[in-house]
PDB file of N, CA and C in Angstrom:
ATOM      1  N   MET A   1     100.835  47.696  43.803  1.00  0.00           N
ATOM      2  CA  MET A   1      99.715  46.906  43.342  1.00  0.00           C
ATOM      3  C   MET A   1     100.183  45.472  43.107  1.00  0.00           C
ATOM      4  N   PRO A   2      99.427  44.486  43.582  1.00  0.00           N
ATOM      5  CA  PRO A   2      99.831  43.092  43.394  1.00  0.00           C
ATOM      6  C   PRO A   2      99.853  42.701  41.919  1.00  0.00           C
ATOM      7  N   SER A   3     100.648  41.685  41.635  1.00  0.00           N
ATOM      8  CA  SER A   3     100.746  41.219  40.259  1.00  0.00           C
ATOM      9  C   SER A   3      99.422  40.599  39.807  1.00  0.00           C
ATOM     10  N   LEU A   4      99.272  40.462  38.520  1.00  0.00           N
ATOM     11  CA  LEU A   4      98.053  39.874  37.959  1.00  0.00           C
ATOM     12  C   LEU A   4      97.871  38.439  38.439  1.00  0.00           C
ATOM     13  N   LYS A   5      98.976  37.713  38.535  1.00  0.00           N
ATOM     14  CA  LYS A   5      98.917  36.322  38.987  1.00  0.00           C
ATOM     15  C   LYS A   5      98.355  36.236  40.414  1.00  0.00           C
ATOM     16  N   LEU A   6      98.806  37.134  41.285  1.00  0.00           N
ATOM     17  CA  LEU A   6      98.325  37.161  42.661  1.00  0.00           C
ATOM     18  C   LEU A   6      96.862  37.595  42.726  1.00  0.00           C
ATOM     19  N   GLN A   7      96.476  38.554  41.895  1.00  0.00           N
ATOM     20  CA  GLN A   7      95.077  38.999  41.865  1.00  0.00           C
ATOM     21  C   GLN A   7      94.153  37.861  41.445  1.00  0.00           C
ATOM     22  N   LEU A   8      94.567  37.087  40.441  1.00  0.00           N
ATOM     23  CA  LEU A   8      93.734  35.973  39.979  1.00  0.00           C
ATOM     24  C   LEU A   8      93.634  34.886  41.038  1.00  0.00           C
ATOM     25  N   ARG A   9      94.752  34.594  41.738  1.00  0.00           N
ATOM     26  CA  ARG A   9      94.717  33.587  42.799  1.00  0.00           C
ATOM     27  C   ARG A   9      93.826  34.037  43.947  1.00  0.00           C
ATOM     28  N   THR A  10      93.881  35.323  44.282  1.00  0.00           N
ATOM     29  CA  THR A  10      93.032  35.859  45.347  1.00  0.00           C
ATOM     30  C   THR A  10      91.566  35.760  44.966  1.00  0.00           C
ATOM     31  N   ARG A  11      91.245  36.011  43.710  1.00  0.00           N
ATOM     32  CA  ARG A  11      89.873  35.895  43.239  1.00  0.00           C
ATOM     33  C   ARG A  11      89.386  34.437  43.343  1.00  0.00           C
ATOM     34  N   ARG A  12      90.231  33.499  42.910  1.00  0.00           N
ATOM     35  CA  ARG A  12      89.868  32.081  43.023  1.00  0.00           C
ATOM     36  C   ARG A  12      89.713  31.671  44.487  1.00  0.00           C
ATOM     37  N   LYS A  13      90.607  32.158  45.340  1.00  0.00           N
ATOM     38  CA  LYS A  13      90.555  31.832  46.762  1.00  0.00           C
ATOM     39  C   LYS A  13      89.252  32.326  47.388  1.00  0.00           C
ATOM     40  N   ASN A  14      88.861  33.540  47.097  1.00  0.00           N
ATOM     41  CA  ASN A  14      87.626  34.099  47.649  1.00  0.00           C
ATOM     42  C   ASN A  14      86.400  33.346  47.154  1.00  0.00           C
ATOM     43  N   LYS A  15      86.429  32.919  45.910  1.00  0.00           N
ATOM     44  CA  LYS A  15      85.311  32.150  45.369  1.00  0.00           C
ATOM     45  C   LYS A  15      85.195  30.797  46.067  1.00  0.00           C
ATOM     46  N   ILE A  16      86.324  30.153  46.319  1.00  0.00           N
ATOM     47  CA  ILE A  16      86.323  28.869  47.018  1.00  0.00           C
ATOM     48  C   ILE A  16      85.842  29.051  48.456  1.00  0.00           C
ATOM     49  N   ARG A  17      86.344  30.082  49.132  1.00  0.00           N
ATOM     50  CA  ARG A  17      86.012  30.308  50.541  1.00  0.00           C
ATOM     51  C   ARG A  17      84.551  30.695  50.742  1.00  0.00           C
ATOM     52  N   SER A  18      83.882  31.171  49.675  1.00  0.00           N
ATOM     53  CA  SER A  18      82.469  31.500  49.825  1.00  0.00           C
ATOM     54  C   SER A  18      81.616  30.248  49.954  1.00  0.00           C
ATOM     55  N   THR A  19      82.115  29.120  49.483  1.00  0.00           N
ATOM     56  CA  THR A  19      81.344  27.878  49.563  1.00  0.00           C
ATOM     57  C   THR A  19      81.911  26.875  50.562  1.00  0.00           C
ATOM     58  N   VAL A  20      83.206  26.918  50.823  1.00  0.00           N
ATOM     59  CA  VAL A  20      83.849  25.938  51.704  1.00  0.00           C
ATOM     60  C   VAL A  20      83.999  26.532  53.096  1.00  0.00           C
ATOM     61  N   THR A  21      83.323  25.940  54.077  1.00  0.00           N
ATOM     62  CA  THR A  21      83.487  26.357  55.468  1.00  0.00           C
ATOM     63  C   THR A  21      83.656  25.126  56.332  1.00  0.00           C
ATOM     64  N   GLY A  22      84.388  25.287  57.405  1.00  0.00           N
ATOM     65  CA  GLY A  22      84.624  24.187  58.321  1.00  0.00           C
ATOM     66  C   GLY A  22      83.736  24.297  59.540  1.00  0.00           C
ATOM     67  N   THR A  23      83.254  23.151  60.019  1.00  0.00           N
ATOM     68  CA  THR A  23      82.446  23.098  61.228  1.00  0.00           C
ATOM     69  C   THR A  23      83.187  22.259  62.260  1.00  0.00           C
ATOM     70  N   ASP A  24      82.586  22.102  63.438  1.00  0.00           N
ATOM     71  CA  ASP A  24      83.244  21.267  64.439  1.00  0.00           C
ATOM     72  C   ASP A  24      83.201  19.789  64.042  1.00  0.00           C
ATOM     73  N   GLN A  25      82.195  19.373  63.268  1.00  0.00           N
ATOM     74  CA  GLN A  25      82.115  17.988  62.796  1.00  0.00           C
ATOM     75  C   GLN A  25      83.018  17.741  61.590  1.00  0.00           C
ATOM     76  N   LYS A  26      83.149  18.752  60.740  1.00  0.00           N
ATOM     77  CA  LYS A  26      83.922  18.622  59.503  1.00  0.00           C
ATOM     78  C   LYS A  26      84.752  19.892  59.293  1.00  0.00           C
ATOM     79  N   PRO A  27      85.932  19.985  59.933  1.00  0.00           N
ATOM     80  CA  PRO A  27      86.746  21.199  59.806  1.00  0.00           C
ATOM     81  C   PRO A  27      87.386  21.320  58.423  1.00  0.00           C
ATOM     82  N   ARG A  28      87.977  22.467  58.185  1.00  0.00           N
ATOM     83  CA  ARG A  28      88.550  22.812  56.884  1.00  0.00           C
ATOM     84  C   ARG A  28      90.063  22.654  56.926  1.00  0.00           C
ATOM     85  N   LEU A  29      90.618  21.967  55.938  1.00  0.00           N
ATOM     86  CA  LEU A  29      92.065  21.855  55.775  1.00  0.00           C
ATOM     87  C   LEU A  29      92.496  22.920  54.786  1.00  0.00           C
ATOM     88  N   SER A  30      93.172  23.945  55.282  1.00  0.00           N
ATOM     89  CA  SER A  30      93.583  25.083  54.467  1.00  0.00           C
ATOM     90  C   SER A  30      95.059  24.960  54.115  1.00  0.00           C
ATOM     91  N   VAL A  31      95.398  25.288  52.868  1.00  0.00           N
ATOM     92  CA  VAL A  31      96.763  25.151  52.367  1.00  0.00           C
ATOM     93  C   VAL A  31      97.287  26.510  51.923  1.00  0.00           C
ATOM     94  N   PHE A  32      98.523  26.819  52.305  1.00  0.00           N
ATOM     95  CA  PHE A  32      99.227  27.982  51.765  1.00  0.00           C
ATOM     96  C   PHE A  32     100.559  27.503  51.226  1.00  0.00           C
ATOM     97  N   ARG A  33     100.863  27.918  50.031  1.00  0.00           N
ATOM     98  CA  ARG A  33     102.075  27.482  49.360  1.00  0.00           C
ATOM     99  C   ARG A  33     102.925  28.693  49.021  1.00  0.00           C
ATOM    100  N   SER A  34     104.150  28.737  49.520  1.00  0.00           N
ATOM    101  CA  SER A  34     105.082  29.777  49.097  1.00  0.00           C
ATOM    102  C   SER A  34     106.078  29.131  48.135  1.00  0.00           C
ATOM    103  N   ASN A  35     107.017  29.902  47.636  1.00  0.00           N
ATOM    104  CA  ASN A  35     107.997  29.329  46.721  1.00  0.00           C
ATOM    105  C   ASN A  35     108.895  28.310  47.409  1.00  0.00           C
ATOM    106  N   LYS A  36     109.109  28.492  48.709  1.00  0.00           N
ATOM    107  CA  LYS A  36     110.065  27.652  49.426  1.00  0.00           C
ATOM    108  C   LYS A  36     109.397  26.621  50.326  1.00  0.00           C
ATOM    109  N   TYR A  37     108.288  26.959  50.962  1.00  0.00           N
ATOM    110  CA  TYR A  37     107.655  26.091  51.948  1.00  0.00           C
ATOM    111  C   TYR A  37     106.186  25.867  51.614  1.00  0.00           C
ATOM    112  N   ILE A  38     105.577  24.918  52.337  1.00  0.00           N
ATOM    113  CA  ILE A  38     104.140  24.703  52.248  1.00  0.00           C
ATOM    114  C   ILE A  38     103.606  24.624  53.675  1.00  0.00           C
ATOM    115  N   TYR A  39     102.486  25.272  53.907  1.00  0.00           N
ATOM    116  CA  TYR A  39     101.874  25.331  55.227  1.00  0.00           C
ATOM    117  C   TYR A  39     100.455  24.799  55.120  1.00  0.00           C
ATOM    118  N   ALA A  40     100.001  24.108  56.159  1.00  0.00           N
ATOM    119  CA  ALA A  40      98.632  23.611  56.168  1.00  0.00           C
ATOM    120  C   ALA A  40      98.109  23.679  57.594  1.00  0.00           C
ATOM    121  N   GLN A  41      96.811  23.930  57.715  1.00  0.00           N
ATOM    122  CA  GLN A  41      96.192  23.940  59.038  1.00  0.00           C
ATOM    123  C   GLN A  41      94.757  23.471  58.935  1.00  0.00           C
ATOM    124  N   ILE A  42      94.295  22.850  60.009  1.00  0.00           N
ATOM    125  CA  ILE A  42      92.918  22.388  60.100  1.00  0.00           C
ATOM    126  C   ILE A  42      92.182  23.375  60.985  1.00  0.00           C
ATOM    127  N   ILE A  43      91.106  23.975  60.443  1.00  0.00           N
ATOM    128  CA  ILE A  43      90.436  25.105  61.085  1.00  0.00           C
ATOM    129  C   ILE A  43      88.968  24.794  61.301  1.00  0.00           C
ATOM    130  N   ASP A  44      88.459  25.135  62.488  1.00  0.00           N
ATOM    131  CA  ASP A  44      87.030  25.106  62.772  1.00  0.00           C
ATOM    132  C   ASP A  44      86.533  26.539  62.627  1.00  0.00           C
ATOM    133  N   ASP A  45      85.840  26.824  61.521  1.00  0.00           N
ATOM    134  CA  ASP A  45      85.404  28.191  61.235  1.00  0.00           C
ATOM    135  C   ASP A  45      84.274  28.653  62.141  1.00  0.00           C
ATOM    136  N   SER A  46      83.479  27.732  62.670  1.00  0.00           N
ATOM    137  CA  SER A  46      82.372  28.148  63.527  1.00  0.00           C
ATOM    138  C   SER A  46      82.882  28.747  64.838  1.00  0.00           C
ATOM    139  N   GLN A  47      84.008  28.243  65.350  1.00  0.00           N
ATOM    140  CA  GLN A  47      84.590  28.796  66.578  1.00  0.00           C
ATOM    141  C   GLN A  47      85.780  29.701  66.294  1.00  0.00           C
ATOM    142  N   GLY A  48      86.278  29.676  65.064  1.00  0.00           N
ATOM    143  CA  GLY A  48      87.434  30.491  64.714  1.00  0.00           C
ATOM    144  C   GLY A  48      88.716  29.977  65.334  1.00  0.00           C
ATOM    145  N   LYS A  49      88.850  28.645  65.455  1.00  0.00           N
ATOM    146  CA  LYS A  49      90.015  28.060  66.106  1.00  0.00           C
ATOM    147  C   LYS A  49      90.783  27.168  65.142  1.00  0.00           C
ATOM    148  N   THR A  50      92.099  27.202  65.275  1.00  0.00           N
ATOM    149  CA  THR A  50      92.957  26.279  64.545  1.00  0.00           C
ATOM    150  C   THR A  50      93.131  25.030  65.392  1.00  0.00           C
ATOM    151  N   ILE A  51      92.776  23.885  64.836  1.00  0.00           N
ATOM    152  CA  ILE A  51      92.825  22.625  65.572  1.00  0.00           C
ATOM    153  C   ILE A  51      94.208  21.996  65.473  1.00  0.00           C
ATOM    154  N   ALA A  52      94.776  21.991  64.282  1.00  0.00           N
ATOM    155  CA  ALA A  52      96.110  21.430  64.066  1.00  0.00           C
ATOM    156  C   ALA A  52      96.776  22.196  62.937  1.00  0.00           C
ATOM    157  N   ALA A  53      98.102  22.250  62.971  1.00  0.00           N
ATOM    158  CA  ALA A  53      98.842  22.960  61.930  1.00  0.00           C
ATOM    159  C   ALA A  53     100.155  22.241  61.668  1.00  0.00           C
ATOM    160  N   GLY A  54     100.667  22.434  60.465  1.00  0.00           N
ATOM    161  CA  GLY A  54     101.948  21.838  60.112  1.00  0.00           C
ATOM    162  C   GLY A  54     102.555  22.547  58.926  1.00  0.00           C
ATOM    163  N   ASP A  55     103.874  22.443  58.816  1.00  0.00           N
ATOM    164  CA  ASP A  55     104.566  22.988  57.661  1.00  0.00           C
ATOM    165  C   ASP A  55     105.813  22.168  57.404  1.00  0.00           C
ATOM    166  N   ASP A  56     106.431  22.385  56.259  1.00  0.00           N
ATOM    167  CA  ASP A  56     107.567  21.548  55.921  1.00  0.00           C
ATOM    168  C   ASP A  56     108.869  22.020  56.550  1.00  0.00           C
ATOM    169  N   ARG A  57     108.842  23.098  57.294  1.00  0.00           N
ATOM    170  CA  ARG A  57     110.039  23.487  58.034  1.00  0.00           C
ATOM    171  C   ARG A  57     110.274  22.545  59.203  1.00  0.00           C
ATOM    172  N   GLN A  58     109.221  21.838  59.640  1.00  0.00           N
ATOM    173  CA  GLN A  58     109.335  20.899  60.753  1.00  0.00           C
ATOM    174  C   GLN A  58     109.779  19.517  60.289  1.00  0.00           C
ATOM    175  N   ILE A  59     109.702  19.244  58.997  1.00  0.00           N
ATOM    176  CA  ILE A  59     110.003  17.926  58.464  1.00  0.00           C
ATOM    177  C   ILE A  59     111.511  17.811  58.241  1.00  0.00           C
ATOM    178  N   LYS A  60     112.119  16.839  58.867  1.00  0.00           N
ATOM    179  CA  LYS A  60     113.555  16.630  58.721  1.00  0.00           C
ATOM    180  C   LYS A  60     113.847  15.545  57.683  1.00  0.00           C
ATOM    181  N   LYS A  61     113.238  14.392  57.867  1.00  0.00           N
ATOM    182  CA  LYS A  61     113.526  13.240  57.023  1.00  0.00           C
ATOM    183  C   LYS A  61     112.382  13.025  56.043  1.00  0.00           C
ATOM    184  N   VAL A  62     112.710  12.853  54.792  1.00  0.00           N
ATOM    185  CA  VAL A  62     111.705  12.605  53.771  1.00  0.00           C
ATOM    186  C   VAL A  62     111.924  11.197  53.236  1.00  0.00           C
ATOM    187  N   SER A  63     110.906  10.353  53.379  1.00  0.00           N
ATOM    188  CA  SER A  63     111.062   8.962  52.967  1.00  0.00           C
ATOM    189  C   SER A  63     109.977   8.539  51.985  1.00  0.00           C
ATOM    190  N   SER A  64     109.558   9.436  51.142  1.00  0.00           N
ATOM    191  CA  SER A  64     108.531   9.126  50.162  1.00  0.00           C
ATOM    192  C   SER A  64     109.190   8.568  48.901  1.00  0.00           C
ATOM    193  N   LYS A  65     108.680   7.447  48.422  1.00  0.00           N
ATOM    194  CA  LYS A  65     109.240   6.842  47.223  1.00  0.00           C
ATOM    195  C   LYS A  65     108.610   7.414  45.960  1.00  0.00           C
ATOM    196  N   GLU A  66     107.344   7.819  46.067  1.00  0.00           N
ATOM    197  CA  GLU A  66     106.623   8.298  44.895  1.00  0.00           C
ATOM    198  C   GLU A  66     106.994   9.738  44.543  1.00  0.00           C
ATOM    199  N   TYR A  67     107.225  10.582  45.544  1.00  0.00           N
ATOM    200  CA  TYR A  67     107.491  11.994  45.315  1.00  0.00           C
ATOM    201  C   TYR A  67     108.952  12.308  45.589  1.00  0.00           C
ATOM    202  N   GLN A  68     109.420  13.398  44.995  1.00  0.00           N
ATOM    203  CA  GLN A  68     110.774  13.865  45.238  1.00  0.00           C
ATOM    204  C   GLN A  68     110.757  15.373  45.402  1.00  0.00           C
ATOM    205  N   GLY A  69     111.711  15.900  46.137  1.00  0.00           N
ATOM    206  CA  GLY A  69     111.849  17.344  46.310  1.00  0.00           C
ATOM    207  C   GLY A  69     110.779  17.935  47.208  1.00  0.00           C
ATOM    208  N   LYS A  70     110.235  19.078  46.792  1.00  0.00           N
ATOM    209  CA  LYS A  70     109.243  19.789  47.595  1.00  0.00           C
ATOM    210  C   LYS A  70     107.944  19.005  47.707  1.00  0.00           C
ATOM    211  N   SER A  71     107.603  18.234  46.690  1.00  0.00           N
ATOM    212  CA  SER A  71     106.378  17.422  46.747  1.00  0.00           C
ATOM    213  C   SER A  71     106.486  16.348  47.809  1.00  0.00           C
ATOM    214  N   ALA A  72     107.678  15.791  47.993  1.00  0.00           N
ATOM    215  CA  ALA A  72     107.876  14.779  49.032  1.00  0.00           C
ATOM    216  C   ALA A  72     107.673  15.397  50.417  1.00  0.00           C
ATOM    217  N   LYS A  73     108.175  16.616  50.601  1.00  0.00           N
ATOM    218  CA  LYS A  73     107.965  17.299  51.878  1.00  0.00           C
ATOM    219  C   LYS A  73     106.490  17.616  52.090  1.00  0.00           C
ATOM    220  N   ALA A  74     105.802  18.020  51.029  1.00  0.00           N
ATOM    221  CA  ALA A  74     104.376  18.315  51.133  1.00  0.00           C
ATOM    222  C   ALA A  74     103.599  17.057  51.505  1.00  0.00           C
ATOM    223  N   PHE A  75     103.972  15.926  50.938  1.00  0.00           N
ATOM    224  CA  PHE A  75     103.331  14.656  51.277  1.00  0.00           C
ATOM    225  C   PHE A  75     103.514  14.356  52.761  1.00  0.00           C
ATOM    226  N   GLU A  76     104.716  14.558  53.270  1.00  0.00           N
ATOM    227  CA  GLU A  76     105.007  14.306  54.685  1.00  0.00           C
ATOM    228  C   GLU A  76     104.224  15.259  55.588  1.00  0.00           C
ATOM    229  N   VAL A  77     104.071  16.509  55.168  1.00  0.00           N
ATOM    230  CA  VAL A  77     103.281  17.477  55.944  1.00  0.00           C
ATOM    231  C   VAL A  77     101.837  17.006  56.036  1.00  0.00           C
ATOM    232  N   GLY A  78     101.270  16.574  54.904  1.00  0.00           N
ATOM    233  CA  GLY A  78      99.900  16.068  54.902  1.00  0.00           C
ATOM    234  C   GLY A  78      99.748  14.838  55.767  1.00  0.00           C
ATOM    235  N   PHE A  79     100.709  13.945  55.709  1.00  0.00           N
ATOM    236  CA  PHE A  79     100.655  12.717  56.507  1.00  0.00           C
ATOM    237  C   PHE A  79     100.715  13.034  57.996  1.00  0.00           C
ATOM    238  N   LYS A  80     101.650  13.921  58.377  1.00  0.00           N
ATOM    239  CA  LYS A  80     101.789  14.312  59.791  1.00  0.00           C
ATOM    240  C   LYS A  80     100.536  15.025  60.287  1.00  0.00           C
ATOM    241  N   LEU A  81      99.989  15.909  59.460  1.00  0.00           N
ATOM    242  CA  LEU A  81      98.778  16.645  59.827  1.00  0.00           C
ATOM    243  C   LEU A  81      97.592  15.692  59.968  1.00  0.00           C
ATOM    244  N   GLY A  82      97.517  14.708  59.092  1.00  0.00           N
ATOM    245  CA  GLY A  82      96.461  13.699  59.185  1.00  0.00           C
ATOM    246  C   GLY A  82      96.550  12.895  60.472  1.00  0.00           C
ATOM    247  N   LYS A  83      97.753  12.518  60.859  1.00  0.00           N
ATOM    248  CA  LYS A  83      97.936  11.772  62.117  1.00  0.00           C
ATOM    249  C   LYS A  83      97.558  12.635  63.323  1.00  0.00           C
ATOM    250  N   ASP A  84      97.935  13.926  63.296  1.00  0.00           N
ATOM    251  CA  ASP A  84      97.562  14.835  64.385  1.00  0.00           C
ATOM    252  C   ASP A  84      96.045  14.975  64.485  1.00  0.00           C
ATOM    253  N   ALA A  85      95.390  15.076  63.335  1.00  0.00           N
ATOM    254  CA  ALA A  85      93.929  15.224  63.322  1.00  0.00           C
ATOM    255  C   ALA A  85      93.246  13.970  63.845  1.00  0.00           C
ATOM    256  N   LEU A  86      93.738  12.813  63.449  1.00  0.00           N
ATOM    257  CA  LEU A  86      93.134  11.566  63.924  1.00  0.00           C
ATOM    258  C   LEU A  86      93.329  11.382  65.420  1.00  0.00           C
ATOM    259  N   SER A  87      94.451  11.865  65.948  1.00  0.00           N
ATOM    260  CA  SER A  87      94.658  11.769  67.394  1.00  0.00           C
ATOM    261  C   SER A  87      93.714  12.691  68.165  1.00  0.00           C
ATOM    262  N   LYS A  88      93.177  13.715  67.483  1.00  0.00           N
ATOM    263  CA  LYS A  88      92.213  14.629  68.094  1.00  0.00           C
ATOM    264  C   LYS A  88      90.781  14.287  67.705  1.00  0.00           C
ATOM    265  N   LYS A  89      90.568  13.055  67.225  1.00  0.00           N
ATOM    266  CA  LYS A  89      89.234  12.522  66.899  1.00  0.00           C
ATOM    267  C   LYS A  89      88.571  13.248  65.719  1.00  0.00           C
ATOM    268  N   ILE A  90      89.371  13.642  64.744  1.00  0.00           N
ATOM    269  CA  ILE A  90      88.843  14.268  63.533  1.00  0.00           C
ATOM    270  C   ILE A  90      89.116  13.310  62.380  1.00  0.00           C
ATOM    271  N   GLY A  91      88.063  12.860  61.718  1.00  0.00           N
ATOM    272  CA  GLY A  91      88.222  11.918  60.616  1.00  0.00           C
ATOM    273  C   GLY A  91      87.801  12.480  59.274  1.00  0.00           C
ATOM    274  N   ASN A  92      86.813  13.387  59.275  1.00  0.00           N
ATOM    275  CA  ASN A  92      86.304  13.976  58.038  1.00  0.00           C
ATOM    276  C   ASN A  92      86.657  15.452  57.991  1.00  0.00           C
ATOM    277  N   ILE A  93      87.103  15.908  56.819  1.00  0.00           N
ATOM    278  CA  ILE A  93      87.443  17.315  56.639  1.00  0.00           C
ATOM    279  C   ILE A  93      86.960  17.774  55.269  1.00  0.00           C
ATOM    280  N   VAL A  94      86.956  19.081  55.065  1.00  0.00           N
ATOM    281  CA  VAL A  94      86.767  19.659  53.735  1.00  0.00           C
ATOM    282  C   VAL A  94      88.097  20.285  53.335  1.00  0.00           C
ATOM    283  N   PHE A  95      88.428  20.197  52.071  1.00  0.00           N
ATOM    284  CA  PHE A  95      89.736  20.629  51.589  1.00  0.00           C
ATOM    285  C   PHE A  95      89.628  21.998  50.942  1.00  0.00           C
ATOM    286  N   ASP A  96      90.412  22.953  51.439  1.00  0.00           N
ATOM    287  CA  ASP A  96      90.483  24.307  50.890  1.00  0.00           C
ATOM    288  C   ASP A  96      91.867  24.465  50.271  1.00  0.00           C
ATOM    289  N   ARG A  97      91.922  24.435  48.943  1.00  0.00           N
ATOM    290  CA  ARG A  97      93.208  24.494  48.256  1.00  0.00           C
ATOM    291  C   ARG A  97      93.764  25.905  48.167  1.00  0.00           C
ATOM    292  N   GLY A  98      93.028  26.894  48.634  1.00  0.00           N
ATOM    293  CA  GLY A  98      93.525  28.258  48.728  1.00  0.00           C
ATOM    294  C   GLY A  98      93.726  28.958  47.401  1.00  0.00           C
ATOM    295  N   GLY A  99      93.005  28.561  46.378  1.00  0.00           N
ATOM    296  CA  GLY A  99      93.142  29.206  45.082  1.00  0.00           C
ATOM    297  C   GLY A  99      94.215  28.594  44.203  1.00  0.00           C
ATOM    298  N   TYR A 100      94.950  27.625  44.725  1.00  0.00           N
ATOM    299  CA  TYR A 100      95.976  26.957  43.933  1.00  0.00           C
ATOM    300  C   TYR A 100      95.353  25.815  43.144  1.00  0.00           C
ATOM    301  N   LYS A 101      95.998  25.438  42.048  1.00  0.00           N
ATOM    302  CA  LYS A 101      95.540  24.284  41.280  1.00  0.00           C
ATOM    303  C   LYS A 101      95.763  23.027  42.110  1.00  0.00           C
ATOM    304  N   TYR A 102      94.869  22.055  41.951  1.00  0.00           N
ATOM    305  CA  TYR A 102      95.043  20.762  42.623  1.00  0.00           C
ATOM    306  C   TYR A 102      96.069  19.985  41.812  1.00  0.00           C
ATOM    307  N   HIS A 103      97.336  20.280  42.079  1.00  0.00           N
ATOM    308  CA  HIS A 103      98.404  19.790  41.239  1.00  0.00           C
ATOM    309  C   HIS A 103      99.707  19.913  42.024  1.00  0.00           C
ATOM    310  N   GLY A 104     100.644  19.054  41.817  1.00  0.00           N
ATOM    311  CA  GLY A 104     101.961  19.177  42.419  1.00  0.00           C
ATOM    312  C   GLY A 104     101.952  19.059  43.923  1.00  0.00           C
ATOM    313  N   ARG A 105     102.458  20.095  44.605  1.00  0.00           N
ATOM    314  CA  ARG A 105     102.596  20.055  46.068  1.00  0.00           C
ATOM    315  C   ARG A 105     101.253  20.028  46.784  1.00  0.00           C
ATOM    316  N   VAL A 106     100.259  20.721  46.255  1.00  0.00           N
ATOM    317  CA  VAL A 106      98.931  20.733  46.886  1.00  0.00           C
ATOM    318  C   VAL A 106      98.315  19.335  46.804  1.00  0.00           C
ATOM    319  N   LYS A 107      98.451  18.694  45.674  1.00  0.00           N
ATOM    320  CA  LYS A 107      97.944  17.333  45.495  1.00  0.00           C
ATOM    321  C   LYS A 107      98.697  16.356  46.390  1.00  0.00           C
ATOM    322  N   ALA A 108     100.013  16.506  46.500  1.00  0.00           N
ATOM    323  CA  ALA A 108     100.811  15.630  47.347  1.00  0.00           C
ATOM    324  C   ALA A 108     100.403  15.764  48.809  1.00  0.00           C
ATOM    325  N   LEU A 109     100.148  16.992  49.267  1.00  0.00           N
ATOM    326  CA  LEU A 109      99.709  17.208  50.642  1.00  0.00           C
ATOM    327  C   LEU A 109      98.366  16.527  50.889  1.00  0.00           C
ATOM    328  N   ALA A 110      97.446  16.656  49.951  1.00  0.00           N
ATOM    329  CA  ALA A 110      96.127  16.035  50.098  1.00  0.00           C
ATOM    330  C   ALA A 110      96.235  14.514  50.120  1.00  0.00           C
ATOM    331  N   GLU A 111      97.079  13.952  49.279  1.00  0.00           N
ATOM    332  CA  GLU A 111      97.235  12.502  49.251  1.00  0.00           C
ATOM    333  C   GLU A 111      97.911  11.992  50.518  1.00  0.00           C
ATOM    334  N   GLY A 112      98.825  12.776  51.084  1.00  0.00           N
ATOM    335  CA  GLY A 112      99.439  12.404  52.353  1.00  0.00           C
ATOM    336  C   GLY A 112      98.416  12.382  53.478  1.00  0.00           C
ATOM    337  N   ALA A 113      97.521  13.362  53.487  1.00  0.00           N
ATOM    338  CA  ALA A 113      96.467  13.399  54.512  1.00  0.00           C
ATOM    339  C   ALA A 113      95.503  12.228  54.332  1.00  0.00           C
ATOM    340  N   ARG A 114      95.189  11.899  53.090  1.00  0.00           N
ATOM    341  CA  ARG A 114      94.308  10.750  52.834  1.00  0.00           C
ATOM    342  C   ARG A 114      94.961   9.451  53.275  1.00  0.00           C
ATOM    343  N   GLN A 115      96.253   9.319  53.005  1.00  0.00           N
ATOM    344  CA  GLN A 115      96.948   8.098  53.392  1.00  0.00           C
ATOM    345  C   GLN A 115      97.055   7.970  54.908  1.00  0.00           C
ATOM    346  N   ALA A 116      97.069   9.086  55.615  1.00  0.00           N
ATOM    347  CA  ALA A 116      97.092   9.050  57.073  1.00  0.00           C
ATOM    348  C   ALA A 116      95.746   8.617  57.642  1.00  0.00           C
ATOM    349  N   GLY A 117      94.660   8.730  56.845  1.00  0.00           N
ATOM    350  CA  GLY A 117      93.366   8.265  57.305  1.00  0.00           C
ATOM    351  C   GLY A 117      92.247   9.298  57.267  1.00  0.00           C
ATOM    352  N   LEU A 118      92.536  10.514  56.825  1.00  0.00           N
ATOM    353  CA  LEU A 118      91.493  11.530  56.736  1.00  0.00           C
ATOM    354  C   LEU A 118      90.618  11.282  55.521  1.00  0.00           C
ATOM    355  N   LYS A 119      89.337  11.611  55.661  1.00  0.00           N
ATOM    356  CA  LYS A 119      88.389  11.474  54.555  1.00  0.00           C
ATOM    357  C   LYS A 119      87.951  12.866  54.118  1.00  0.00           C
ATOM    358  N   PHE A 120      88.010  13.118  52.814  1.00  0.00           N
ATOM    359  CA  PHE A 120      87.618  14.415  52.255  1.00  0.00           C
ATOM    360  C   PHE A 120      86.204  14.319  51.765  1.00  0.00           C
TER     361      PHE A 120
END
């Protein structure tokens, strides 16, 4: 049986997903955070397709002055994902935090995507 912490996060995630959906005009930026890495993908729910994806395993160099450690990598993931989305003509998205608090690495990823040019 999953831990109470995981059950509560799953409940929050399902509640968020009942209202947040991505379309072809405004896809969904979904975030998954593990203890070691952070993963993000831009999804068009109407077609069931992943448009762009990124994670911090691909990030080699971290040059963020504001963030340090895992948050700096999350910022870089958001920035890279934002640039990929803009190259595919996607400017507006909806943000799906996946049941996590908008804090720390999740916030850093969102700010990196905003700095790349995405609008939430």
